[in-house]
Protein backbone atom coordinates (compact mmCIF):
# COMPACT_ATOMS: atom_id res chain seq x y z
CA MET A 1 102.37 192.37 71.55
CA GLY A 2 102.40 189.80 74.46
CA ASN A 3 99.39 188.37 72.25
CA LYS A 4 101.02 187.43 69.36
CA ARG A 5 98.78 184.83 67.75
CA PRO A 6 100.70 181.67 66.75
CA ARG A 7 101.13 181.25 63.36
CA TYR A 8 98.03 179.23 61.89
CA GLY A 9 98.52 175.49 63.11
CA ALA A 10 101.21 175.90 65.28
CA LYS A 11 99.15 175.31 67.99
CA ARG A 12 97.52 172.00 66.37
CA GLY A 13 100.61 170.72 64.60
CA LEU A 14 99.52 170.89 61.06
CA PHE A 15 103.11 173.21 59.94
CA PHE A 16 106.46 172.06 61.46
CA ALA A 17 109.56 174.62 61.23
CA GLY A 18 112.34 173.45 59.33
CA SER A 19 110.08 169.90 58.11
CA LEU A 20 110.45 171.01 53.95
CA ALA A 21 114.27 171.71 53.77
CA GLN A 22 114.10 168.14 56.13
CA ALA A 23 111.92 166.13 53.83
CA ALA A 24 114.06 167.74 50.99
CA ARG A 25 117.23 166.87 51.85
CA MET A 26 115.73 163.36 52.30
CA ASP A 27 113.09 163.28 49.54
CA PRO A 28 113.94 160.45 47.01
CA ALA A 29 113.09 161.97 43.76
CA PRO A 30 115.90 163.86 42.62
CA ALA A 31 117.49 160.54 43.19
CA LEU A 32 114.75 158.16 41.36
CA LYS A 33 114.55 160.43 37.94
CA GLU A 34 118.21 160.39 38.00
CA LEU A 35 118.35 157.06 38.03
CA MET A 36 115.58 156.07 35.84
CA LEU A 37 116.91 158.58 32.81
CA ARG A 38 120.25 156.98 33.14
CA GLU A 39 121.25 154.58 29.62
CA PRO A 40 119.39 151.95 28.82
CA ARG A 41 116.32 154.03 30.72
CA ARG A 42 113.89 152.71 32.39
CA THR A 43 110.20 152.79 33.05
CA LEU A 44 108.32 152.78 36.34
CA ALA A 45 104.12 152.27 36.78
CA VAL A 46 102.67 151.53 39.86
CA ALA A 47 99.55 150.01 41.25
CA GLU A 48 98.31 151.58 45.02
CA SER A 49 95.20 150.11 47.41
CA VAL A 50 96.80 151.29 51.21
CA THR A 51 98.12 154.51 48.65
CA CYS A 52 95.88 155.82 47.51
CA GLY A 53 97.35 157.37 44.61
CA HIS A 54 99.70 158.97 47.31
CA LEU A 55 102.47 157.17 45.80
CA GLN A 56 101.30 158.00 42.18
CA ALA A 57 101.36 162.05 43.26
CA ARG A 58 104.43 161.53 44.89
CA ILE A 59 105.98 160.23 41.65
CA GLY A 60 104.30 163.04 39.24
CA ALA A 61 105.79 166.07 41.41
CA ILE A 62 109.29 165.04 39.92
CA SER A 63 109.79 167.68 36.68
CA GLY A 64 110.03 165.39 33.73
CA ALA A 65 108.82 162.49 35.65
CA SER A 66 106.85 161.56 31.70
CA GLU A 67 110.24 160.50 30.64
CA PHE A 68 109.82 157.64 32.63
CA PHE A 69 106.92 157.74 34.57
CA LEU A 70 104.66 155.45 32.52
CA GLY A 71 100.77 155.13 34.50
CA GLY A 72 99.64 153.76 37.53
CA ILE A 73 96.26 152.09 38.68
CA THR A 74 94.59 152.49 42.17
CA ALA A 75 92.44 149.21 42.49
CA TYR A 76 91.30 149.85 46.44
CA ALA A 77 88.49 145.95 45.83
CA LEU A 78 89.45 143.29 45.53
CA ASP A 79 87.50 143.10 42.40
CA GLU A 80 89.93 145.37 40.61
CA LYS A 81 93.04 143.72 42.40
CA VAL A 82 91.96 140.26 40.61
CA ARG A 83 90.69 142.64 37.82
CA HIS A 84 93.41 144.81 36.18
CA LEU A 85 96.63 142.70 37.93
CA GLY A 86 96.06 139.27 38.01
CA VAL A 87 96.33 138.82 42.31
CA LYS A 88 94.70 135.73 43.32
CA ARG A 89 90.98 135.86 44.74
CA ALA A 90 91.33 133.21 47.47
CA ALA A 91 94.24 133.34 48.86
CA ALA A 92 94.11 137.77 49.13
CA LYS A 93 90.59 136.93 50.25
CA ALA A 94 91.80 134.57 53.25
CA VAL A 95 93.62 137.90 54.55
CA ASN A 96 92.13 140.22 53.26
CA SER A 97 93.87 141.70 50.34
CA VAL A 98 97.08 142.26 52.69
CA SER A 99 99.43 140.74 52.82
CA ALA A 100 103.53 140.60 51.01
CA ALA A 101 102.14 138.20 48.73
CA VAL A 102 99.17 140.00 47.00
CA ALA A 103 101.33 143.53 47.68
CA GLU A 104 103.61 140.80 44.98
CA GLN A 105 101.39 139.98 42.35
CA MET A 106 100.34 143.94 42.13
CA ALA A 107 103.50 144.91 41.32
CA ARG A 108 104.18 142.08 38.56
CA GLY A 109 100.04 142.54 37.69
CA ALA A 110 101.70 146.51 36.83
CA CYS A 111 104.75 145.27 34.96
CA GLY A 112 102.32 143.68 33.12
CA LEU A 113 99.38 145.96 32.68
CA PHE A 114 101.60 148.99 31.58
CA GLY A 115 104.54 147.01 29.98
CA SER A 116 107.31 149.23 32.13
CA ASP A 117 110.39 148.25 33.25
CA PHE A 118 109.55 148.63 37.09
CA ALA A 119 106.51 148.75 39.74
CA LEU A 120 106.00 149.49 42.86
CA ALA A 121 102.83 148.57 44.55
CA THR A 122 101.60 148.82 47.96
CA THR A 123 98.78 147.32 50.43
CA GLY A 124 98.13 146.75 53.73
CA TYR A 125 95.77 149.09 56.55
CA ALA A 126 96.37 152.89 56.94
CA GLU A 127 94.51 152.90 60.05
CA LEU A 128 93.09 150.13 63.12
CA SER A 129 90.59 147.50 61.52
CA ALA A 130 88.24 145.84 64.40
CA GLU A 131 86.77 143.17 61.48
CA TRP A 132 90.69 142.42 60.65
CA LYS A 133 91.73 142.81 64.15
CA VAL A 134 94.38 144.62 63.39
CA ALA A 135 95.25 146.96 66.24
CA GLU A 136 97.75 149.48 64.71
CA PRO A 137 98.52 150.06 60.73
CA PHE A 138 100.20 148.43 59.15
CA ALA A 139 101.10 147.66 55.00
CA TRP A 140 103.34 146.22 52.80
CA TRP A 141 105.76 147.62 49.61
CA ALA A 142 106.86 145.84 47.14
CA LEU A 143 109.43 145.99 43.84
CA ALA A 144 108.41 144.38 40.66
CA HIS A 145 111.99 144.14 37.78
CA ALA A 146 110.56 143.34 34.23
CA PRO A 147 114.68 142.47 33.10
CA GLY A 148 115.33 142.42 29.60
CA SER A 149 112.25 142.46 27.29
CA ARG A 150 109.53 144.06 29.52
CA PRO A 151 107.06 141.76 29.47
CA ALA A 152 103.23 141.67 27.82
CA GLY A 153 101.52 140.14 31.13
CA GLY A 154 104.24 137.25 31.52
CA GLY A 155 107.43 136.49 32.09
CA LYS A 156 109.90 136.54 34.62
CA PHE A 157 110.65 138.60 37.93
CA ILE A 158 112.91 139.82 40.46
CA VAL A 159 111.10 141.14 43.15
CA ARG A 160 111.57 142.73 46.54
CA SER A 161 108.52 143.35 49.39
CA GLY A 162 108.43 144.73 52.84
CA ARG A 163 106.89 145.28 55.54
CA VAL A 164 105.54 149.46 57.16
CA ASP A 165 104.47 149.43 60.43
CA GLY A 166 102.45 152.79 61.24
CA PRO A 167 102.01 152.53 65.57
CA GLY A 168 99.70 155.68 67.28
CA LEU A 169 99.71 157.11 62.84
CA ALA A 170 96.60 158.83 62.26
CA ARG A 171 96.06 157.47 58.13
CA VAL A 172 97.44 160.28 55.89
CA ALA A 173 100.54 160.07 58.23
CA MET A 174 100.77 156.07 57.58
CA GLN A 175 99.67 156.24 54.10
CA GLU A 176 102.06 159.18 53.04
CA ARG A 177 105.06 156.22 54.69
CA VAL A 178 104.45 153.91 52.81
CA ALA A 179 104.35 155.70 49.86
CA ALA A 180 108.31 157.52 50.75
CA ARG A 181 109.43 153.39 51.56
CA ALA A 182 108.30 152.13 48.47
CA LEU A 183 109.84 154.57 46.80
CA GLU A 184 113.25 154.56 48.90
CA GLU A 185 113.08 150.86 48.61
CA LEU A 186 113.40 151.73 44.86
CA VAL A 187 115.79 153.78 44.58
CA ASP A 188 118.25 152.00 46.93
CA TYR A 189 117.33 148.96 44.45
CA LEU A 190 118.35 150.50 41.07
CA ARG A 191 121.49 152.25 42.92
CA THR A 192 122.97 148.49 43.55
CA LEU A 193 121.89 147.37 39.60
CA GLY A 194 124.17 150.62 38.00
CA ASN A 195 124.35 149.82 34.22
CA TRP A 196 121.98 147.23 33.60
């Protein structure tokens, strides 16, 4: 019995005892659903680059997400960011589509594309890039709020954005960190609104 084998992945760090319970305590998903479904009901869209679907997956995992989540787009390439989200090509190209301004344009574009009250966007580097002299992963999240009537490609927005650093994180861990942060920021913002 002294030769008891560790559970799958335990040696390699793939299994973390208690991490699911801890994640459930920190998970903003239940609060997000409650806040989005308060009267007046709100809608959400997503535009992703660096998180490449991780943000949409987190939202889609919420039971009843279809009551507030209109959809999302993964616009990885600059041409797609320009075509679908209205990102300004020259400015985005100069920074490889990674800046607060680009994330904000993506969020506003997602509001317009889906006709949502809110949109989240992410862009950044999930890993190192010698070409762009990126020594540690970092990303930007943005939140756009279209108060009043939903814009059909225009209108005024309240926009917030922030940076997420991921020193030492592997690619998927960085993508997850950015997706989690974007959701946390949305929940925090919704809590400040009350009933609008």
